């Protein structure tokens, strides 16, 4: 049984004339998929919400995390 959220994807290759802009065509195809099938790309969502991908380095105190894990193991009853 296939669902709307199936991870199966198809690749379609088409040839377009030089006078058709690639970005405009991509935008039109995304809009068609959204309107007809309810498929919205993450790029479209980010664009609508004016979000930009951010990469941040988050420092983590590994010793503290390990101590929390050990404390949680001691807290939980053994099966």
Protein backbone atom coordinates (compact mmCIF):
# COMPACT_ATOMS: atom_id res chain seq x y z
CA UNK A 1 0.00 0.00 0.00
CA UNK A 2 1.37 3.41 -0.91
CA UNK A 3 0.75 6.48 1.15
CA UNK A 4 1.12 10.17 0.42
CA UNK A 5 4.20 10.18 2.63
CA UNK A 6 5.97 7.33 0.91
CA UNK A 7 9.72 7.75 0.68
CA UNK A 8 9.69 6.38 -2.87
CA UNK A 9 10.64 9.07 -5.35
CA UNK A 10 10.74 9.19 -9.11
CA UNK A 11 13.16 11.15 -11.24
CA UNK A 12 11.86 12.79 -14.39
CA UNK A 13 14.25 14.32 -16.92
CA UNK A 14 12.95 16.85 -19.42
CA UNK A 15 14.58 19.03 -22.03
CA UNK A 16 13.62 22.68 -22.04
CA UNK A 17 14.47 25.47 -24.46
CA UNK A 18 17.20 27.94 -23.44
CA UNK A 19 14.70 30.79 -23.17
CA UNK A 20 12.91 29.11 -20.25
CA UNK A 21 14.55 30.02 -16.97
CA UNK A 22 15.50 27.07 -14.78
CA UNK A 23 14.48 28.80 -11.55
CA UNK A 24 11.11 29.83 -12.99
CA UNK A 25 10.42 26.29 -14.23
CA UNK A 26 11.43 24.79 -10.88
CA UNK A 27 9.14 27.23 -9.09
CA UNK A 28 6.24 26.38 -11.42
CA UNK A 29 6.72 22.62 -10.93
CA UNK A 30 6.87 23.03 -7.13
CA UNK A 31 3.67 25.10 -7.23
CA UNK A 32 1.95 22.46 -9.38
CA UNK A 33 2.97 19.64 -7.02
CA UNK A 34 1.73 21.64 -4.05
CA UNK A 35 -1.60 22.65 -5.57
CA UNK A 36 -2.47 19.34 -7.18
CA UNK A 37 -0.92 16.78 -4.82
CA UNK A 38 -0.28 18.66 -1.58
CA UNK A 39 3.48 18.08 -1.80
CA UNK A 40 5.49 20.94 -0.34
CA UNK A 41 9.28 21.00 -0.40
CA UNK A 42 11.28 22.13 2.59
CA UNK A 43 12.79 24.81 0.35
CA UNK A 44 9.33 26.25 -0.29
CA UNK A 45 8.51 26.25 3.42
CA UNK A 46 11.79 27.98 4.28
CA UNK A 47 11.23 30.54 1.52
CA UNK A 48 7.69 31.32 2.74
CA UNK A 49 8.80 31.68 6.34
CA UNK A 50 11.93 33.59 5.32
CA UNK A 51 14.09 31.02 7.10
CA UNK A 52 17.70 30.38 6.32
CA UNK A 53 19.62 27.27 7.18
CA UNK A 54 21.95 27.93 10.08
CA UNK A 55 24.85 25.88 11.20
CA UNK A 56 25.99 26.53 14.71
CA UNK A 57 28.56 24.78 16.78
CA UNK A 58 27.04 23.91 20.11
CA UNK A 59 29.50 23.19 22.87
CA UNK A 60 28.55 20.21 25.05
CA UNK A 61 30.15 19.21 28.31
CA UNK A 62 30.44 15.47 27.67
CA UNK A 63 31.34 14.65 31.26
CA UNK A 64 28.18 16.38 32.48
CA UNK A 65 26.03 14.51 29.92
CA UNK A 66 27.57 11.18 30.97
CA UNK A 67 26.94 11.98 34.65
CA UNK A 68 23.29 12.72 33.84
CA UNK A 69 22.98 9.41 32.01
CA UNK A 70 24.49 7.52 34.95
CA UNK A 71 22.17 9.29 37.40
CA UNK A 72 19.18 8.35 35.22
CA UNK A 73 20.28 4.71 35.10
CA UNK A 74 20.47 4.64 38.91
CA UNK A 75 17.06 6.28 39.17
CA UNK A 76 15.23 3.84 36.92
CA UNK A 77 14.17 0.49 38.37
CA UNK A 78 15.96 -2.51 36.93
CA UNK A 79 13.85 -4.95 34.98
